[in-house]
Amino acid sequence: MPEKGFLFAVYVFVGLFALVSILPFWLVVVNSFASESSIKAYGMQLIPKEFSLYAYQFTMAGKQIASSYLVTITVTVVGTCLAVLITSMYAYTLAHPRVKYRRILSFMTYFTMVFGAGLVGFYILIANTLGLKDSLWALILPYMLNPFFAFIMVSFFRTLPYEINEAATIDGANDLSIFFRIILPISTPVIATVSLFYALQYWNDFYLALLFIDNYKLHPLQMMIRQIISNVNISSYVGGSSTLYSQAVPTYGVQLATVCLTIGPIVFLYPFIQRFFVKGITIGALKG
């Protein structure tokens, strides 16, 4: 009987916590469909008194949002695939017990997490030395090897029995065959986890576009949304309290709509890899 009471209390607590966690997301999504006058008069409501699609129509007007979506999807897909491939190969090298200089490479990897080259050196490298100004590679290349994600994969690879490599070597497999045909297929949890991290990083980034992309046609979604919100805020200042201008520029609605447009697609990615996520994070946590 005490166990049932305890379980009931746990379920109630978890249920309340889930409701509290979902509430902000619900308010953002629902009020993005509310009219601007309703938001200004009543604030954020659980169920708006007046619905309107004007904020989405205002945000999605023109062809730029489709172009920015295409840029963001391209950068996210290509960047995530290349980054996971390079990071997994590098992490496997660090975890391999027979790599001669793996400790030096590990130190160099850790060193980059603590000390950076600085903004000036980073800009000169990407824009001048590599000549990637106004190029999609400027949005992909800088994030292709994240040291933290590499160490997550190193911890996972170290949990794999080395006898697998020895057996494959005896059968005549080389290092590339072992990695692509044996190691990668059994590393699905950590690959799915790191893929999600990289996808979120590429999808949400606007910093690289702010530095290296001057051509608005190559602006990713986050940069485009940042520009829209900036222009809306400027228009609000210039327009003052004019009723006509307030109706033309749905300031609050645009901000809520842009949040939904930004997080919507990437949120749908999580359910496909949820069953791998926790395992990929926790496995290898007790073995350094």
C-alpha atoms as a PDB file:
ATOM      1  CA  MET A   1       0.000   0.000   0.000  1.00  0.00           C
ATOM      2  CA  PRO A   2       2.768   2.553   0.800  1.00  0.00           C
ATOM      3  CA  GLU A   3       4.387   1.696  -2.552  1.00  0.00           C
ATOM      4  CA  LYS A   4       1.164   2.510  -4.432  1.00  0.00           C
ATOM      5  CA  GLY A   5       0.886   5.823  -2.598  1.00  0.00           C
ATOM      6  CA  PHE A   6       4.470   6.643  -3.472  1.00  0.00           C
ATOM      7  CA  LEU A   7       3.937   5.753  -7.149  1.00  0.00           C
ATOM      8  CA  PHE A   8       0.777   7.867  -7.214  1.00  0.00           C
ATOM      9  CA  ALA A   9       2.690  10.847  -5.804  1.00  0.00           C
ATOM     10  CA  VAL A  10       5.450  10.353  -8.370  1.00  0.00           C
ATOM     11  CA  TYR A  11       2.939  10.228 -11.238  1.00  0.00           C
ATOM     12  CA  VAL A  12       1.206  13.367  -9.978  1.00  0.00           C
ATOM     13  CA  PHE A  13       4.524  15.211  -9.647  1.00  0.00           C
ATOM     14  CA  VAL A  14       5.735  14.119 -13.097  1.00  0.00           C
ATOM     15  CA  GLY A  15       2.365  15.017 -14.634  1.00  0.00           C
ATOM     16  CA  LEU A  16       2.397  18.501 -13.107  1.00  0.00           C
ATOM     17  CA  PHE A  17       5.993  19.007 -14.154  1.00  0.00           C
ATOM     18  CA  ALA A  18       5.116  17.975 -17.722  1.00  0.00           C
ATOM     19  CA  LEU A  19       2.207  20.442 -17.793  1.00  0.00           C
ATOM     20  CA  VAL A  20       4.424  23.256 -16.524  1.00  0.00           C
ATOM     21  CA  SER A  21       7.036  22.376 -19.181  1.00  0.00           C
ATOM     22  CA  ILE A  22       4.494  22.229 -22.007  1.00  0.00           C
ATOM     23  CA  LEU A  23       2.695  25.439 -21.014  1.00  0.00           C
ATOM     24  CA  PRO A  24       5.243  27.928 -22.485  1.00  0.00           C
ATOM     25  CA  PHE A  25       5.374  25.991 -25.755  1.00  0.00           C
ATOM     26  CA  TRP A  26       1.563  25.927 -25.895  1.00  0.00           C
ATOM     27  CA  LEU A  27       1.348  29.673 -25.270  1.00  0.00           C
ATOM     28  CA  VAL A  28       3.825  30.420 -28.064  1.00  0.00           C
ATOM     29  CA  VAL A  29       2.127  28.171 -30.626  1.00  0.00           C
ATOM     30  CA  VAL A  30      -1.464  29.188 -29.846  1.00  0.00           C
ATOM     31  CA  ASN A  31      -0.806  32.904 -29.557  1.00  0.00           C
ATOM     32  CA  SER A  32       1.106  32.912 -32.839  1.00  0.00           C
ATOM     33  CA  PHE A  33      -2.361  32.461 -34.385  1.00  0.00           C
ATOM     34  CA  ALA A  34      -3.870  35.259 -32.315  1.00  0.00           C
ATOM     35  CA  SER A  35      -4.557  38.697 -33.743  1.00  0.00           C
ATOM     36  CA  GLU A  36      -2.185  41.505 -32.850  1.00  0.00           C
ATOM     37  CA  SER A  37      -4.967  43.493 -31.175  1.00  0.00           C
ATOM     38  CA  SER A  38      -5.885  40.492 -29.015  1.00  0.00           C
ATOM     39  CA  ILE A  39      -2.292  40.042 -27.823  1.00  0.00           C
ATOM     40  CA  LYS A  40      -1.936  43.738 -27.016  1.00  0.00           C
ATOM     41  CA  ALA A  41      -5.264  43.875 -25.179  1.00  0.00           C
ATOM     42  CA  TYR A  42      -5.191  40.596 -23.226  1.00  0.00           C
ATOM     43  CA  GLY A  43      -1.593  39.403 -23.364  1.00  0.00           C
ATOM     44  CA  MET A  44      -0.653  35.748 -23.760  1.00  0.00           C
ATOM     45  CA  GLN A  45      -3.778  33.582 -23.413  1.00  0.00           C
ATOM     46  CA  LEU A  46      -4.320  29.846 -23.170  1.00  0.00           C
ATOM     47  CA  ILE A  47      -7.037  30.199 -25.817  1.00  0.00           C
ATOM     48  CA  PRO A  48      -6.967  33.509 -27.757  1.00  0.00           C
ATOM     49  CA  LYS A  49     -10.161  35.482 -28.067  1.00  0.00           C
ATOM     50  CA  GLU A  50      -9.496  36.329 -31.701  1.00  0.00           C
ATOM     51  CA  PHE A  51      -7.579  34.153 -34.181  1.00  0.00           C
ATOM     52  CA  SER A  52      -5.685  35.446 -37.187  1.00  0.00           C
ATOM     53  CA  LEU A  53      -3.150  34.165 -39.724  1.00  0.00           C
ATOM     54  CA  TYR A  54      -1.843  37.637 -40.523  1.00  0.00           C
ATOM     55  CA  ALA A  55       1.417  37.151 -38.584  1.00  0.00           C
ATOM     56  CA  TYR A  56       2.266  34.079 -40.694  1.00  0.00           C
ATOM     57  CA  GLN A  57       1.184  35.822 -43.899  1.00  0.00           C
ATOM     58  CA  PHE A  58       3.355  38.803 -43.007  1.00  0.00           C
ATOM     59  CA  THR A  59       6.348  36.592 -42.151  1.00  0.00           C
ATOM     60  CA  MET A  60       6.050  34.321 -45.182  1.00  0.00           C
ATOM     61  CA  ALA A  61       5.398  37.063 -47.731  1.00  0.00           C
ATOM     62  CA  GLY A  62       7.756  36.919 -50.692  1.00  0.00           C
ATOM     63  CA  LYS A  63      10.143  34.195 -51.850  1.00  0.00           C
ATOM     64  CA  GLN A  64      12.916  34.739 -49.318  1.00  0.00           C
ATOM     65  CA  ILE A  65      11.548  32.363 -46.689  1.00  0.00           C
ATOM     66  CA  ALA A  66      11.522  29.482 -49.192  1.00  0.00           C
ATOM     67  CA  SER A  67      15.065  30.347 -50.232  1.00  0.00           C
ATOM     68  CA  SER A  68      16.208  30.568 -46.603  1.00  0.00           C
ATOM     69  CA  TYR A  69      14.540  27.260 -45.773  1.00  0.00           C
ATOM     70  CA  LEU A  70      16.378  25.644 -48.673  1.00  0.00           C
ATOM     71  CA  VAL A  71      19.700  27.091 -47.500  1.00  0.00           C
ATOM     72  CA  THR A  72      19.118  25.960 -43.916  1.00  0.00           C
ATOM     73  CA  ILE A  73      18.014  22.460 -44.908  1.00  0.00           C
ATOM     74  CA  THR A  74      20.999  22.100 -47.253  1.00  0.00           C
ATOM     75  CA  VAL A  75      23.460  23.311 -44.627  1.00  0.00           C
ATOM     76  CA  THR A  76      21.891  21.133 -41.922  1.00  0.00           C
ATOM     77  CA  VAL A  77      21.771  17.929 -43.968  1.00  0.00           C
ATOM     78  CA  VAL A  78      25.177  18.263 -45.661  1.00  0.00           C
ATOM     79  CA  GLY A  79      26.858  19.649 -42.545  1.00  0.00           C
ATOM     80  CA  THR A  80      25.433  16.991 -40.226  1.00  0.00           C
ATOM     81  CA  CYS A  81      26.407  14.104 -42.538  1.00  0.00           C
ATOM     82  CA  LEU A  82      29.953  15.363 -43.058  1.00  0.00           C
ATOM     83  CA  ALA A  83      30.418  16.369 -39.420  1.00  0.00           C
ATOM     84  CA  VAL A  84      29.236  13.008 -38.074  1.00  0.00           C
ATOM     85  CA  LEU A  85      31.477  11.160 -40.522  1.00  0.00           C
ATOM     86  CA  ILE A  86      34.588  13.213 -39.713  1.00  0.00           C
ATOM     87  CA  THR A  87      33.912  13.293 -35.960  1.00  0.00           C
ATOM     88  CA  SER A  88      33.308   9.543 -35.762  1.00  0.00           C
ATOM     89  CA  MET A  89      36.492   8.765 -37.711  1.00  0.00           C
ATOM     90  CA  TYR A  90      38.518  11.139 -35.564  1.00  0.00           C
ATOM     91  CA  ALA A  91      36.988   9.825 -32.321  1.00  0.00           C
ATOM     92  CA  TYR A  92      37.676   6.234 -33.389  1.00  0.00           C
ATOM     93  CA  THR A  93      41.323   7.200 -33.929  1.00  0.00           C
ATOM     94  CA  LEU A  94      41.515   8.718 -30.442  1.00  0.00           C
ATOM     95  CA  ALA A  95      39.901   5.641 -28.900  1.00  0.00           C
ATOM     96  CA  HIS A  96      41.984   3.077 -30.789  1.00  0.00           C
ATOM     97  CA  PRO A  97      44.518   1.562 -28.349  1.00  0.00           C
ATOM     98  CA  ARG A  98      47.172   1.055 -31.040  1.00  0.00           C
ATOM     99  CA  VAL A  99      47.292   4.591 -32.409  1.00  0.00           C
ATOM    100  CA  LYS A 100      50.725   5.870 -31.424  1.00  0.00           C
ATOM    101  CA  TYR A 101      50.010   9.571 -30.880  1.00  0.00           C
ATOM    102  CA  ARG A 102      46.418   9.371 -29.653  1.00  0.00           C
ATOM    103  CA  ARG A 103      47.242  11.061 -26.328  1.00  0.00           C
ATOM    104  CA  ILE A 104      48.826  14.022 -28.089  1.00  0.00           C
ATOM    105  CA  LEU A 105      45.811  14.277 -30.392  1.00  0.00           C
ATOM    106  CA  SER A 106      43.480  14.099 -27.378  1.00  0.00           C
ATOM    107  CA  PHE A 107      45.376  16.932 -25.697  1.00  0.00           C
ATOM    108  CA  MET A 108      45.241  19.052 -28.858  1.00  0.00           C
ATOM    109  CA  THR A 109      41.494  18.404 -29.093  1.00  0.00           C
ATOM    110  CA  TYR A 110      40.950  19.360 -25.469  1.00  0.00           C
ATOM    111  CA  PHE A 111      43.154  22.444 -25.885  1.00  0.00           C
ATOM    112  CA  THR A 112      40.842  23.820 -28.578  1.00  0.00           C
ATOM    113  CA  MET A 113      37.913  23.553 -26.135  1.00  0.00           C
ATOM    114  CA  VAL A 114      39.726  25.836 -23.679  1.00  0.00           C
ATOM    115  CA  PHE A 115      41.529  28.283 -25.955  1.00  0.00           C
ATOM    116  CA  GLY A 116      40.332  29.678 -29.283  1.00  0.00           C
ATOM    117  CA  ALA A 117      42.011  31.665 -32.029  1.00  0.00           C
ATOM    118  CA  GLY A 118      39.770  34.681 -31.435  1.00  0.00           C
ATOM    119  CA  LEU A 119      37.286  36.367 -33.720  1.00  0.00           C
ATOM    120  CA  VAL A 120      39.859  38.193 -35.854  1.00  0.00           C
ATOM    121  CA  GLY A 121      41.926  35.105 -36.587  1.00  0.00           C
ATOM    122  CA  PHE A 122      38.790  33.059 -37.237  1.00  0.00           C
ATOM    123  CA  TYR A 123      37.438  35.625 -39.693  1.00  0.00           C
ATOM    124  CA  ILE A 124      40.752  35.947 -41.547  1.00  0.00           C
ATOM    125  CA  LEU A 125      41.019  32.155 -41.860  1.00  0.00           C
ATOM    126  CA  ILE A 126      37.500  31.641 -43.255  1.00  0.00           C
ATOM    127  CA  ALA A 127      37.056  34.801 -45.328  1.00  0.00           C
ATOM    128  CA  ASN A 128      40.570  35.570 -46.587  1.00  0.00           C
ATOM    129  CA  THR A 129      42.748  32.464 -46.351  1.00  0.00           C
ATOM    130  CA  LEU A 130      40.099  29.941 -47.426  1.00  0.00           C
ATOM    131  CA  GLY A 131      38.108  32.431 -49.504  1.00  0.00           C
ATOM    132  CA  LEU A 132      34.712  31.200 -48.308  1.00  0.00           C
ATOM    133  CA  LYS A 133      33.021  34.593 -48.097  1.00  0.00           C
ATOM    134  CA  ASP A 134      29.410  34.375 -49.360  1.00  0.00           C
ATOM    135  CA  SER A 135      29.633  30.605 -49.653  1.00  0.00           C
ATOM    136  CA  LEU A 136      27.582  27.850 -48.040  1.00  0.00           C
ATOM    137  CA  TRP A 137      30.842  26.203 -47.004  1.00  0.00           C
ATOM    138  CA  ALA A 138      31.372  29.121 -44.642  1.00  0.00           C
ATOM    139  CA  LEU A 139      28.256  27.892 -42.805  1.00  0.00           C
ATOM    140  CA  ILE A 140      29.333  24.227 -42.832  1.00  0.00           C
ATOM    141  CA  LEU A 141      33.101  23.986 -42.446  1.00  0.00           C
ATOM    142  CA  PRO A 142      33.638  25.705 -39.033  1.00  0.00           C
ATOM    143  CA  TYR A 143      31.313  23.242 -37.223  1.00  0.00           C
ATOM    144  CA  MET A 144      32.473  20.029 -38.884  1.00  0.00           C
ATOM    145  CA  LEU A 145      34.489  18.859 -35.864  1.00  0.00           C
ATOM    146  CA  ASN A 146      33.205  19.680 -32.393  1.00  0.00           C
ATOM    147  CA  PRO A 147      35.664  18.534 -29.669  1.00  0.00           C
ATOM    148  CA  PHE A 148      32.926  17.888 -27.113  1.00  0.00           C
ATOM    149  CA  PHE A 149      30.975  15.652 -29.494  1.00  0.00           C
ATOM    150  CA  ALA A 150      34.228  13.884 -30.393  1.00  0.00           C
ATOM    151  CA  PHE A 151      34.860  13.026 -26.744  1.00  0.00           C
ATOM    152  CA  ILE A 152      31.318  11.657 -26.421  1.00  0.00           C
ATOM    153  CA  MET A 153      32.057   9.288 -29.286  1.00  0.00           C
ATOM    154  CA  VAL A 154      35.473   8.426 -27.844  1.00  0.00           C
ATOM    155  CA  SER A 155      33.809   7.295 -24.601  1.00  0.00           C
ATOM    156  CA  PHE A 156      31.445   5.101 -26.595  1.00  0.00           C
ATOM    157  CA  PHE A 157      34.128   3.551 -28.800  1.00  0.00           C
ATOM    158  CA  ARG A 158      36.194   2.654 -25.734  1.00  0.00           C
ATOM    159  CA  THR A 159      33.361   0.466 -24.470  1.00  0.00           C
ATOM    160  CA  LEU A 160      33.528  -1.705 -27.601  1.00  0.00           C
ATOM    161  CA  PRO A 161      35.641  -4.866 -27.148  1.00  0.00           C
ATOM    162  CA  TYR A 162      38.919  -4.628 -29.032  1.00  0.00           C
ATOM    163  CA  GLU A 163      38.624  -8.345 -29.779  1.00  0.00           C
ATOM    164  CA  ILE A 164      36.197  -7.332 -32.559  1.00  0.00           C
ATOM    165  CA  ASN A 165      39.030  -5.544 -34.358  1.00  0.00           C
ATOM    166  CA  GLU A 166      41.423  -8.428 -33.830  1.00  0.00           C
ATOM    167  CA  ALA A 167      38.944 -10.967 -35.199  1.00  0.00           C
ATOM    168  CA  ALA A 168      38.240  -8.812 -38.236  1.00  0.00           C
ATOM    169  CA  THR A 169      41.978  -8.312 -38.853  1.00  0.00           C
ATOM    170  CA  ILE A 170      42.544 -12.056 -38.768  1.00  0.00           C
ATOM    171  CA  ASP A 171      39.794 -12.412 -41.378  1.00  0.00           C
ATOM    172  CA  GLY A 172      41.689 -10.003 -43.638  1.00  0.00           C
ATOM    173  CA  ALA A 173      39.794  -6.744 -43.065  1.00  0.00           C
ATOM    174  CA  ASN A 174      41.722  -3.473 -43.143  1.00  0.00           C
ATOM    175  CA  ASP A 175      41.102  -0.460 -40.897  1.00  0.00           C
ATOM    176  CA  LEU A 176      38.579   1.197 -43.229  1.00  0.00           C
ATOM    177  CA  SER A 177      36.585  -2.021 -43.606  1.00  0.00           C
ATOM    178  CA  ILE A 178      36.556  -2.541 -39.847  1.00  0.00           C
ATOM    179  CA  PHE A 179      35.341   0.998 -39.224  1.00  0.00           C
ATOM    180  CA  PHE A 180      32.644   1.220 -41.912  1.00  0.00           C
ATOM    181  CA  ARG A 181      31.414  -2.385 -41.908  1.00  0.00           C
ATOM    182  CA  ILE A 182      31.689  -3.269 -38.202  1.00  0.00           C
ATOM    183  CA  ILE A 183      32.164  -0.272 -35.907  1.00  0.00           C
ATOM    184  CA  LEU A 184      29.632   2.135 -37.440  1.00  0.00           C
ATOM    185  CA  PRO A 185      26.720  -0.370 -37.619  1.00  0.00           C
ATOM    186  CA  ILE A 186      27.048  -1.161 -33.892  1.00  0.00           C
ATOM    187  CA  SER A 187      27.452   2.524 -32.940  1.00  0.00           C
ATOM    188  CA  THR A 188      23.929   3.628 -33.850  1.00  0.00           C
ATOM    189  CA  PRO A 189      23.079   5.090 -30.385  1.00  0.00           C
ATOM    190  CA  VAL A 190      26.009   7.486 -30.202  1.00  0.00           C
ATOM    191  CA  ILE A 191      25.812   8.377 -33.905  1.00  0.00           C
ATOM    192  CA  ALA A 192      22.118   9.241 -33.565  1.00  0.00           C
ATOM    193  CA  THR A 193      22.835  11.352 -30.480  1.00  0.00           C
ATOM    194  CA  VAL A 194      25.711  13.274 -32.032  1.00  0.00           C
ATOM    195  CA  SER A 195      23.711  13.682 -35.252  1.00  0.00           C
ATOM    196  CA  LEU A 196      20.953  15.394 -33.279  1.00  0.00           C
ATOM    197  CA  PHE A 197      23.469  17.709 -31.621  1.00  0.00           C
ATOM    198  CA  TYR A 198      25.028  18.651 -34.933  1.00  0.00           C
ATOM    199  CA  ALA A 199      21.642  19.102 -36.624  1.00  0.00           C
ATOM    200  CA  LEU A 200      20.524  21.460 -33.846  1.00  0.00           C
ATOM    201  CA  GLN A 201      23.779  23.375 -34.082  1.00  0.00           C
ATOM    202  CA  TYR A 202      23.526  23.864 -37.839  1.00  0.00           C
ATOM    203  CA  TRP A 203      19.788  24.587 -37.779  1.00  0.00           C
ATOM    204  CA  ASN A 204      19.902  27.219 -35.045  1.00  0.00           C
ATOM    205  CA  ASP A 205      23.080  29.003 -36.125  1.00  0.00           C
ATOM    206  CA  PHE A 206      22.980  32.557 -37.418  1.00  0.00           C
ATOM    207  CA  TYR A 207      26.389  33.695 -36.146  1.00  0.00           C
ATOM    208  CA  LEU A 208      28.346  32.378 -39.147  1.00  0.00           C
ATOM    209  CA  ALA A 209      25.878  33.951 -41.568  1.00  0.00           C
ATOM    210  CA  LEU A 210      26.201  37.238 -39.721  1.00  0.00           C
ATOM    211  CA  LEU A 211      29.979  37.120 -40.178  1.00  0.00           C
ATOM    212  CA  PHE A 212      30.440  35.679 -43.650  1.00  0.00           C
ATOM    213  CA  ILE A 213      27.221  36.016 -45.696  1.00  0.00           C
ATOM    214  CA  ASP A 214      26.446  39.392 -47.243  1.00  0.00           C
ATOM    215  CA  ASN A 215      24.295  38.051 -50.079  1.00  0.00           C
ATOM    216  CA  TYR A 216      20.753  37.971 -48.691  1.00  0.00           C
ATOM    217  CA  LYS A 217      19.847  35.135 -51.077  1.00  0.00           C
ATOM    218  CA  LEU A 218      22.218  32.892 -49.093  1.00  0.00           C
ATOM    219  CA  HIS A 219      20.854  33.884 -45.692  1.00  0.00           C
ATOM    220  CA  PRO A 220      19.767  30.836 -43.667  1.00  0.00           C
ATOM    221  CA  LEU A 221      16.443  30.754 -41.886  1.00  0.00           C
ATOM    222  CA  GLN A 222      17.732  32.036 -38.561  1.00  0.00           C
ATOM    223  CA  MET A 223      19.440  35.007 -40.187  1.00  0.00           C
ATOM    224  CA  MET A 224      16.339  35.838 -42.202  1.00  0.00           C
ATOM    225  CA  ILE A 225      14.162  35.707 -39.100  1.00  0.00           C
ATOM    226  CA  ARG A 226      16.629  37.892 -37.226  1.00  0.00           C
ATOM    227  CA  GLN A 227      16.418  40.459 -40.018  1.00  0.00           C
ATOM    228  CA  ILE A 228      12.608  40.316 -40.027  1.00  0.00           C
ATOM    229  CA  ILE A 229      12.382  40.901 -36.281  1.00  0.00           C
ATOM    230  CA  SER A 230      14.907  43.744 -36.494  1.00  0.00           C
ATOM    231  CA  ASN A 231      12.967  45.392 -39.300  1.00  0.00           C
ATOM    232  CA  VAL A 232       9.684  44.940 -37.441  1.00  0.00           C
ATOM    233  CA  ASN A 233      11.136  46.574 -34.339  1.00  0.00           C
ATOM    234  CA  ILE A 234      12.509  49.473 -36.392  1.00  0.00           C
ATOM    235  CA  SER A 235       9.157  49.872 -38.133  1.00  0.00           C
ATOM    236  CA  SER A 236       7.422  49.952 -34.759  1.00  0.00           C
ATOM    237  CA  TYR A 237       9.697  52.731 -33.560  1.00  0.00           C
ATOM    238  CA  VAL A 238       9.195  54.740 -36.741  1.00  0.00           C
ATOM    239  CA  GLY A 239       5.460  54.071 -36.928  1.00  0.00           C
ATOM    240  CA  GLY A 240       4.861  55.196 -33.395  1.00  0.00           C
ATOM    241  CA  SER A 241       1.303  54.724 -32.180  1.00  0.00           C
ATOM    242  CA  SER A 242      -0.414  54.939 -35.542  1.00  0.00           C
ATOM    243  CA  THR A 243      -3.316  52.487 -35.631  1.00  0.00           C
ATOM    244  CA  LEU A 244      -2.930  51.823 -39.336  1.00  0.00           C
ATOM    245  CA  TYR A 245       0.783  51.135 -38.962  1.00  0.00           C
ATOM    246  CA  SER A 246       0.221  48.880 -35.949  1.00  0.00           C
ATOM    247  CA  GLN A 247      -2.125  46.734 -38.006  1.00  0.00           C
ATOM    248  CA  ALA A 248       0.407  46.563 -40.842  1.00  0.00           C
ATOM    249  CA  VAL A 249       3.234  45.432 -38.566  1.00  0.00           C
ATOM    250  CA  PRO A 250       2.144  42.620 -36.179  1.00  0.00           C
ATOM    251  CA  THR A 251       5.141  42.969 -33.877  1.00  0.00           C
ATOM    252  CA  TYR A 252       4.225  40.386 -31.241  1.00  0.00           C
ATOM    253  CA  GLY A 253       2.621  38.009 -33.701  1.00  0.00           C
ATOM    254  CA  VAL A 254       5.688  38.025 -35.958  1.00  0.00           C
ATOM    255  CA  GLN A 255       7.955  37.153 -33.060  1.00  0.00           C
ATOM    256  CA  LEU A 256       5.758  34.234 -32.014  1.00  0.00           C
ATOM    257  CA  ALA A 257       5.278  33.049 -35.595  1.00  0.00           C
ATOM    258  CA  THR A 258       9.017  33.110 -36.270  1.00  0.00           C
ATOM    259  CA  VAL A 259       9.639  30.952 -33.194  1.00  0.00           C
ATOM    260  CA  CYS A 260       7.183  28.354 -34.504  1.00  0.00           C
ATOM    261  CA  LEU A 261       8.630  28.455 -38.003  1.00  0.00           C
ATOM    262  CA  THR A 262      12.123  28.033 -36.596  1.00  0.00           C
ATOM    263  CA  ILE A 263      11.682  25.168 -34.156  1.00  0.00           C
ATOM    264  CA  GLY A 264       8.904  23.293 -35.939  1.00  0.00           C
ATOM    265  CA  PRO A 265      10.863  21.173 -38.421  1.00  0.00           C
ATOM    266  CA  ILE A 266      13.738  20.315 -36.071  1.00  0.00           C
ATOM    267  CA  VAL A 267      11.318  19.250 -33.302  1.00  0.00           C
ATOM    268  CA  PHE A 268       9.880  16.599 -35.618  1.00  0.00           C
ATOM    269  CA  LEU A 269      13.363  15.069 -35.944  1.00  0.00           C
ATOM    270  CA  TYR A 270      13.612  14.118 -32.287  1.00  0.00           C
ATOM    271  CA  PRO A 271      10.951  11.342 -32.152  1.00  0.00           C
ATOM    272  CA  PHE A 272      12.829   9.365 -34.804  1.00  0.00           C
ATOM    273  CA  ILE A 273      15.995   9.140 -32.696  1.00  0.00           C
ATOM    274  CA  GLN A 274      14.527   9.344 -29.184  1.00  0.00           C
ATOM    275  CA  ARG A 275      15.086   5.646 -28.478  1.00  0.00           C
ATOM    276  CA  PHE A 276      18.801   6.064 -29.203  1.00  0.00           C
ATOM    277  CA  PHE A 277      19.280   9.377 -27.426  1.00  0.00           C
ATOM    278  CA  VAL A 278      19.526   8.385 -23.746  1.00  0.00           C
ATOM    279  CA  LYS A 279      21.566   5.292 -24.512  1.00  0.00           C
ATOM    280  CA  GLY A 280      23.978   7.265 -26.637  1.00  0.00           C
ATOM    281  CA  ILE A 281      24.505   9.820 -23.866  1.00  0.00           C
ATOM    282  CA  THR A 282      24.872   7.407 -20.939  1.00  0.00           C
ATOM    283  CA  ILE A 283      26.787   4.509 -22.453  1.00  0.00           C
ATOM    284  CA  GLY A 284      30.471   4.817 -21.749  1.00  0.00           C
ATOM    285  CA  ALA A 285      29.872   7.416 -19.042  1.00  0.00           C
ATOM    286  CA  LEU A 286      31.568   5.228 -16.414  1.00  0.00           C
ATOM    287  CA  LYS A 287      34.532   4.411 -18.599  1.00  0.00           C
ATOM    288  CA  GLY A 288      36.871   7.247 -19.541  1.00  0.00           C
END
